[in-house]
Amino acid sequence: MGSLDIVIHNANTVSIKDLEHNLDIADFKWDKLITLLHVKCESVFFSGFRLSYETNPQEIIDYVAEEKLYIKNEGEVIEKTLIRIREINVNNRALLSELWKAYDEPSLVFLTEKNNEQDLVDCMSHYQFGLEILKRVPGIYDLSQSYEADVMWIQSNVDIAPLLLAIQN
């Protein structure tokens, strides 16, 4: 992870800056992190907001989604999406990368326990991902991109330190 700058903000928030180019989750440098979370967690979701309709990710959504849990259009301006990713597609990051690029504030949400899925769906329908969802749904790891095109944010309500040690070794 030499081409990544990891900054630990607190026990539950980390930013990882790609020092070579803009963030691309299909890049091999993210393999270890995503694989470790995939093994550790029982469910994986994609969440995002779309403010631009230049591309239509519907075909990709149909392919990667095990279930479309929440897709909401607010007028013609914002689309909020939450889908459960098919198990086999979690490792197909070239495809997930295309979906990632079609959204503003894209994220992969990993849940340690499948029985918390409905809580996640309920919270996502009322709140934008953030502190409120971290408070209400146990066992979340959220990998997201905000306004910085080269930074991955990890937020969790689980201590991130063991995960960071594992990806740095």
C-alpha atoms as a PDB file:
ATOM      1  CA  MET A   1       0.000   0.000   0.000  1.00  0.00           C
ATOM      2  CA  GLY A   2       2.993   2.234  -0.640  1.00  0.00           C
ATOM      3  CA  SER A   3       1.158   4.449  -3.129  1.00  0.00           C
ATOM      4  CA  LEU A   4      -1.543   5.174  -0.555  1.00  0.00           C
ATOM      5  CA  ASP A   5      -1.420   7.732   2.243  1.00  0.00           C
ATOM      6  CA  ILE A   6      -3.411   6.429   5.238  1.00  0.00           C
ATOM      7  CA  VAL A   7      -4.595   8.948   7.825  1.00  0.00           C
ATOM      8  CA  ILE A   8      -6.267   7.685  11.001  1.00  0.00           C
ATOM      9  CA  HIS A   9      -8.681  10.385  12.156  1.00  0.00           C
ATOM     10  CA  ASN A  10     -10.005   8.337  15.097  1.00  0.00           C
ATOM     11  CA  ALA A  11     -10.736   4.690  15.979  1.00  0.00           C
ATOM     12  CA  ASN A  12     -13.655   4.641  13.555  1.00  0.00           C
ATOM     13  CA  THR A  13     -12.653   6.969  10.703  1.00  0.00           C
ATOM     14  CA  VAL A  14      -9.768   6.644   8.254  1.00  0.00           C
ATOM     15  CA  SER A  15      -8.986   8.352   4.969  1.00  0.00           C
ATOM     16  CA  ILE A  16      -6.793   6.740   2.327  1.00  0.00           C
ATOM     17  CA  LYS A  17      -5.440   8.978  -0.421  1.00  0.00           C
ATOM     18  CA  ASP A  18      -4.281   7.435  -3.679  1.00  0.00           C
ATOM     19  CA  LEU A  19      -0.997   9.201  -4.407  1.00  0.00           C
ATOM     20  CA  GLU A  20      -0.882   8.133  -8.070  1.00  0.00           C
ATOM     21  CA  HIS A  21      -4.285   8.987  -9.553  1.00  0.00           C
ATOM     22  CA  ASN A  22      -7.987   9.386  -8.828  1.00  0.00           C
ATOM     23  CA  LEU A  23      -9.648   6.648  -6.841  1.00  0.00           C
ATOM     24  CA  ASP A  24     -10.585   3.561  -8.841  1.00  0.00           C
ATOM     25  CA  ILE A  25     -11.896   0.632  -6.816  1.00  0.00           C
ATOM     26  CA  ALA A  26     -10.962  -1.697  -9.669  1.00  0.00           C
ATOM     27  CA  ASP A  27      -7.282  -0.929  -9.016  1.00  0.00           C
ATOM     28  CA  PHE A  28      -5.401  -3.870  -7.473  1.00  0.00           C
ATOM     29  CA  LYS A  29      -4.238  -1.706  -4.538  1.00  0.00           C
ATOM     30  CA  TRP A  30      -7.765  -1.987  -3.065  1.00  0.00           C
ATOM     31  CA  ASP A  31      -7.884  -5.805  -3.367  1.00  0.00           C
ATOM     32  CA  LYS A  32      -6.679  -6.605   0.135  1.00  0.00           C
ATOM     33  CA  LEU A  33      -9.017  -4.147   1.880  1.00  0.00           C
ATOM     34  CA  ILE A  34     -12.132  -5.181  -0.012  1.00  0.00           C
ATOM     35  CA  THR A  35     -11.306  -8.889   0.206  1.00  0.00           C
ATOM     36  CA  LEU A  36     -10.753  -8.703   3.979  1.00  0.00           C
ATOM     37  CA  LEU A  37     -14.050  -6.895   4.482  1.00  0.00           C
ATOM     38  CA  HIS A  38     -15.845  -9.299   2.173  1.00  0.00           C
ATOM     39  CA  VAL A  39     -14.578 -12.265   4.212  1.00  0.00           C
ATOM     40  CA  LYS A  40     -15.346 -10.573   7.543  1.00  0.00           C
ATOM     41  CA  CYS A  41     -18.858  -9.422   6.635  1.00  0.00           C
ATOM     42  CA  GLU A  42     -22.060 -11.226   5.722  1.00  0.00           C
ATOM     43  CA  SER A  43     -23.585  -8.622   3.368  1.00  0.00           C
ATOM     44  CA  VAL A  44     -22.256  -6.068   0.911  1.00  0.00           C
ATOM     45  CA  PHE A  45     -24.208  -3.133  -0.485  1.00  0.00           C
ATOM     46  CA  PHE A  46     -23.665  -0.306  -2.934  1.00  0.00           C
ATOM     47  CA  SER A  47     -25.043   3.104  -2.097  1.00  0.00           C
ATOM     48  CA  GLY A  48     -24.862   6.343  -4.004  1.00  0.00           C
ATOM     49  CA  PHE A  49     -26.470   9.597  -5.023  1.00  0.00           C
ATOM     50  CA  ARG A  50     -26.767  10.671  -8.630  1.00  0.00           C
ATOM     51  CA  LEU A  51     -26.925  14.329  -9.482  1.00  0.00           C
ATOM     52  CA  SER A  52     -26.116  13.858 -13.163  1.00  0.00           C
ATOM     53  CA  TYR A  53     -27.858  11.693 -15.709  1.00  0.00           C
ATOM     54  CA  GLU A  54     -25.071  11.685 -18.295  1.00  0.00           C
ATOM     55  CA  THR A  55     -24.712   7.915 -17.885  1.00  0.00           C
ATOM     56  CA  ASN A  56     -27.373   5.338 -17.143  1.00  0.00           C
ATOM     57  CA  PRO A  57     -26.128   2.650 -14.732  1.00  0.00           C
ATOM     58  CA  GLN A  58     -29.389   0.651 -14.831  1.00  0.00           C
ATOM     59  CA  GLU A  59     -27.893  -2.212 -16.841  1.00  0.00           C
ATOM     60  CA  ILE A  60     -24.985  -2.509 -14.384  1.00  0.00           C
ATOM     61  CA  ILE A  61     -27.374  -2.350 -11.411  1.00  0.00           C
ATOM     62  CA  ASP A  62     -29.497  -5.123 -12.913  1.00  0.00           C
ATOM     63  CA  TYR A  63     -26.397  -7.301 -13.301  1.00  0.00           C
ATOM     64  CA  VAL A  64     -24.653  -6.744  -9.946  1.00  0.00           C
ATOM     65  CA  ALA A  65     -27.707  -6.456  -7.698  1.00  0.00           C
ATOM     66  CA  GLU A  66     -29.014  -9.382  -5.738  1.00  0.00           C
ATOM     67  CA  GLU A  67     -31.796  -7.063  -4.645  1.00  0.00           C
ATOM     68  CA  LYS A  68     -32.672  -3.418  -5.233  1.00  0.00           C
ATOM     69  CA  LEU A  69     -33.522  -2.285  -1.747  1.00  0.00           C
ATOM     70  CA  TYR A  70     -33.958   1.408  -2.167  1.00  0.00           C
ATOM     71  CA  ILE A  71     -33.992   3.512  -5.295  1.00  0.00           C
ATOM     72  CA  LYS A  72     -35.630   6.871  -4.873  1.00  0.00           C
ATOM     73  CA  ASN A  73     -35.963   9.645  -7.394  1.00  0.00           C
ATOM     74  CA  GLU A  74     -36.588  13.079  -5.960  1.00  0.00           C
ATOM     75  CA  GLY A  75     -37.982  14.972  -8.900  1.00  0.00           C
ATOM     76  CA  GLU A  76     -35.549  14.848 -11.783  1.00  0.00           C
ATOM     77  CA  VAL A  77     -32.611  16.073  -9.701  1.00  0.00           C
ATOM     78  CA  ILE A  78     -31.382  13.430  -7.223  1.00  0.00           C
ATOM     79  CA  GLU A  79     -31.469   9.656  -7.254  1.00  0.00           C
ATOM     80  CA  LYS A  80     -30.615   7.793  -4.051  1.00  0.00           C
ATOM     81  CA  THR A  81     -29.716   4.129  -4.494  1.00  0.00           C
ATOM     82  CA  LEU A  82     -29.086   1.182  -2.170  1.00  0.00           C
ATOM     83  CA  ILE A  83     -28.603  -2.297  -3.613  1.00  0.00           C
ATOM     84  CA  ARG A  84     -27.396  -5.577  -2.125  1.00  0.00           C
ATOM     85  CA  ILE A  85     -24.559  -6.835  -4.295  1.00  0.00           C
ATOM     86  CA  ARG A  86     -24.617 -10.451  -5.445  1.00  0.00           C
ATOM     87  CA  GLU A  87     -21.925 -12.446  -3.670  1.00  0.00           C
ATOM     88  CA  ILE A  88     -20.181 -13.306  -6.926  1.00  0.00           C
ATOM     89  CA  ASN A  89     -20.058  -9.647  -8.021  1.00  0.00           C
ATOM     90  CA  VAL A  90     -18.248  -8.295  -4.950  1.00  0.00           C
ATOM     91  CA  ASN A  91     -14.971  -9.390  -6.539  1.00  0.00           C
ATOM     92  CA  ASN A  92     -15.942  -8.055  -9.972  1.00  0.00           C
ATOM     93  CA  ARG A  93     -14.581  -4.641  -9.196  1.00  0.00           C
ATOM     94  CA  ALA A  94     -14.232  -3.592 -12.841  1.00  0.00           C
ATOM     95  CA  LEU A  95     -18.013  -3.712 -13.032  1.00  0.00           C
ATOM     96  CA  LEU A  96     -18.461  -2.150  -9.583  1.00  0.00           C
ATOM     97  CA  SER A  97     -16.039   0.580 -10.632  1.00  0.00           C
ATOM     98  CA  GLU A  98     -18.329   1.524 -13.528  1.00  0.00           C
ATOM     99  CA  LEU A  99     -21.250   1.752 -11.116  1.00  0.00           C
ATOM    100  CA  TRP A 100     -19.066   3.727  -8.666  1.00  0.00           C
ATOM    101  CA  LYS A 101     -18.184   6.278 -11.364  1.00  0.00           C
ATOM    102  CA  ALA A 102     -21.853   6.846 -12.278  1.00  0.00           C
ATOM    103  CA  TYR A 103     -22.684   8.176  -8.802  1.00  0.00           C
ATOM    104  CA  ASP A 104     -21.772  11.073  -6.567  1.00  0.00           C
ATOM    105  CA  GLU A 105     -20.783   9.975  -3.073  1.00  0.00           C
ATOM    106  CA  PRO A 106     -20.579   6.265  -3.960  1.00  0.00           C
ATOM    107  CA  SER A 107     -19.951   3.743  -1.219  1.00  0.00           C
ATOM    108  CA  LEU A 108     -19.601   0.058  -0.526  1.00  0.00           C
ATOM    109  CA  VAL A 109     -21.326  -0.787   2.740  1.00  0.00           C
ATOM    110  CA  PHE A 110     -20.257  -3.976   4.502  1.00  0.00           C
ATOM    111  CA  LEU A 111     -22.439  -5.422   7.284  1.00  0.00           C
ATOM    112  CA  THR A 112     -20.938  -7.894   9.728  1.00  0.00           C
ATOM    113  CA  GLU A 113     -24.343  -9.477  10.387  1.00  0.00           C
ATOM    114  CA  LYS A 114     -27.017 -10.184   7.799  1.00  0.00           C
ATOM    115  CA  ASN A 115     -29.789  -9.704  10.369  1.00  0.00           C
ATOM    116  CA  ASN A 116     -29.013  -5.933  10.398  1.00  0.00           C
ATOM    117  CA  GLU A 117     -29.957  -5.495   6.740  1.00  0.00           C
ATOM    118  CA  GLN A 118     -33.485  -4.209   7.368  1.00  0.00           C
ATOM    119  CA  ASP A 119     -32.172  -1.667   9.875  1.00  0.00           C
ATOM    120  CA  LEU A 120     -29.764  -0.432   7.195  1.00  0.00           C
ATOM    121  CA  VAL A 121     -32.535  -0.146   4.593  1.00  0.00           C
ATOM    122  CA  ASP A 122     -34.797   1.700   7.040  1.00  0.00           C
ATOM    123  CA  CYS A 123     -32.031   4.128   8.009  1.00  0.00           C
ATOM    124  CA  MET A 124     -30.926   4.724   4.436  1.00  0.00           C
ATOM    125  CA  SER A 125     -34.470   5.648   3.453  1.00  0.00           C
ATOM    126  CA  HIS A 126     -34.443   8.409   6.094  1.00  0.00           C
ATOM    127  CA  TYR A 127     -30.823   9.541   6.375  1.00  0.00           C
ATOM    128  CA  GLN A 128     -27.880  10.185   4.124  1.00  0.00           C
ATOM    129  CA  PHE A 129     -25.070   7.867   5.207  1.00  0.00           C
ATOM    130  CA  GLY A 130     -23.250   9.309   8.160  1.00  0.00           C
ATOM    131  CA  LEU A 131     -23.137   9.378  11.904  1.00  0.00           C
ATOM    132  CA  GLU A 132     -26.849   8.708  12.308  1.00  0.00           C
ATOM    133  CA  ILE A 133     -26.657   5.379  10.472  1.00  0.00           C
ATOM    134  CA  LEU A 134     -23.459   4.426  12.298  1.00  0.00           C
ATOM    135  CA  LYS A 135     -25.339   4.984  15.570  1.00  0.00           C
ATOM    136  CA  ARG A 136     -28.401   2.980  14.546  1.00  0.00           C
ATOM    137  CA  VAL A 137     -27.044  -0.031  12.635  1.00  0.00           C
ATOM    138  CA  PRO A 138     -24.375  -2.173  14.339  1.00  0.00           C
ATOM    139  CA  GLY A 139     -21.460  -3.756  12.505  1.00  0.00           C
ATOM    140  CA  ILE A 140     -21.003  -1.376   9.545  1.00  0.00           C
ATOM    141  CA  TYR A 141     -17.916  -0.647   7.486  1.00  0.00           C
ATOM    142  CA  ASP A 142     -18.528   2.086   4.903  1.00  0.00           C
ATOM    143  CA  LEU A 143     -15.991   2.660   2.118  1.00  0.00           C
ATOM    144  CA  SER A 144     -16.913   5.860   0.351  1.00  0.00           C
ATOM    145  CA  GLN A 145     -15.726   8.664  -1.846  1.00  0.00           C
ATOM    146  CA  SER A 146     -16.768  12.207  -1.129  1.00  0.00           C
ATOM    147  CA  TYR A 147     -15.759  15.381  -2.960  1.00  0.00           C
ATOM    148  CA  GLU A 148     -12.051  14.438  -3.159  1.00  0.00           C
ATOM    149  CA  ALA A 149     -11.604  12.304  -6.267  1.00  0.00           C
ATOM    150  CA  ASP A 150      -8.487  10.566  -4.927  1.00  0.00           C
ATOM    151  CA  VAL A 151      -9.583   9.753  -1.353  1.00  0.00           C
ATOM    152  CA  MET A 152     -11.366   6.692   0.043  1.00  0.00           C
ATOM    153  CA  TRP A 153     -13.015   7.198   3.418  1.00  0.00           C
ATOM    154  CA  ILE A 154     -13.624   4.316   5.799  1.00  0.00           C
ATOM    155  CA  GLN A 155     -16.152   4.898   8.544  1.00  0.00           C
ATOM    156  CA  SER A 156     -17.275   2.223  10.943  1.00  0.00           C
ATOM    157  CA  ASN A 157     -18.886   1.617  14.280  1.00  0.00           C
ATOM    158  CA  VAL A 158     -16.362  -1.202  14.720  1.00  0.00           C
ATOM    159  CA  ASP A 159     -12.731  -0.514  15.641  1.00  0.00           C
ATOM    160  CA  ILE A 160     -10.833  -0.146  12.358  1.00  0.00           C
ATOM    161  CA  ALA A 161      -7.321  -0.711  13.804  1.00  0.00           C
ATOM    162  CA  PRO A 162      -7.226  -4.510  13.227  1.00  0.00           C
ATOM    163  CA  LEU A 163      -8.334  -3.994   9.626  1.00  0.00           C
ATOM    164  CA  LEU A 164      -5.609  -1.411   9.028  1.00  0.00           C
ATOM    165  CA  LEU A 165      -2.954  -3.695  10.482  1.00  0.00           C
ATOM    166  CA  ALA A 166      -4.077  -6.501   8.217  1.00  0.00           C
ATOM    167  CA  ILE A 167      -3.998  -4.437   5.021  1.00  0.00           C
ATOM    168  CA  GLN A 168      -0.598  -2.917   5.810  1.00  0.00           C
ATOM    169  CA  ASN A 169       1.056  -6.334   6.282  1.00  0.00           C
END
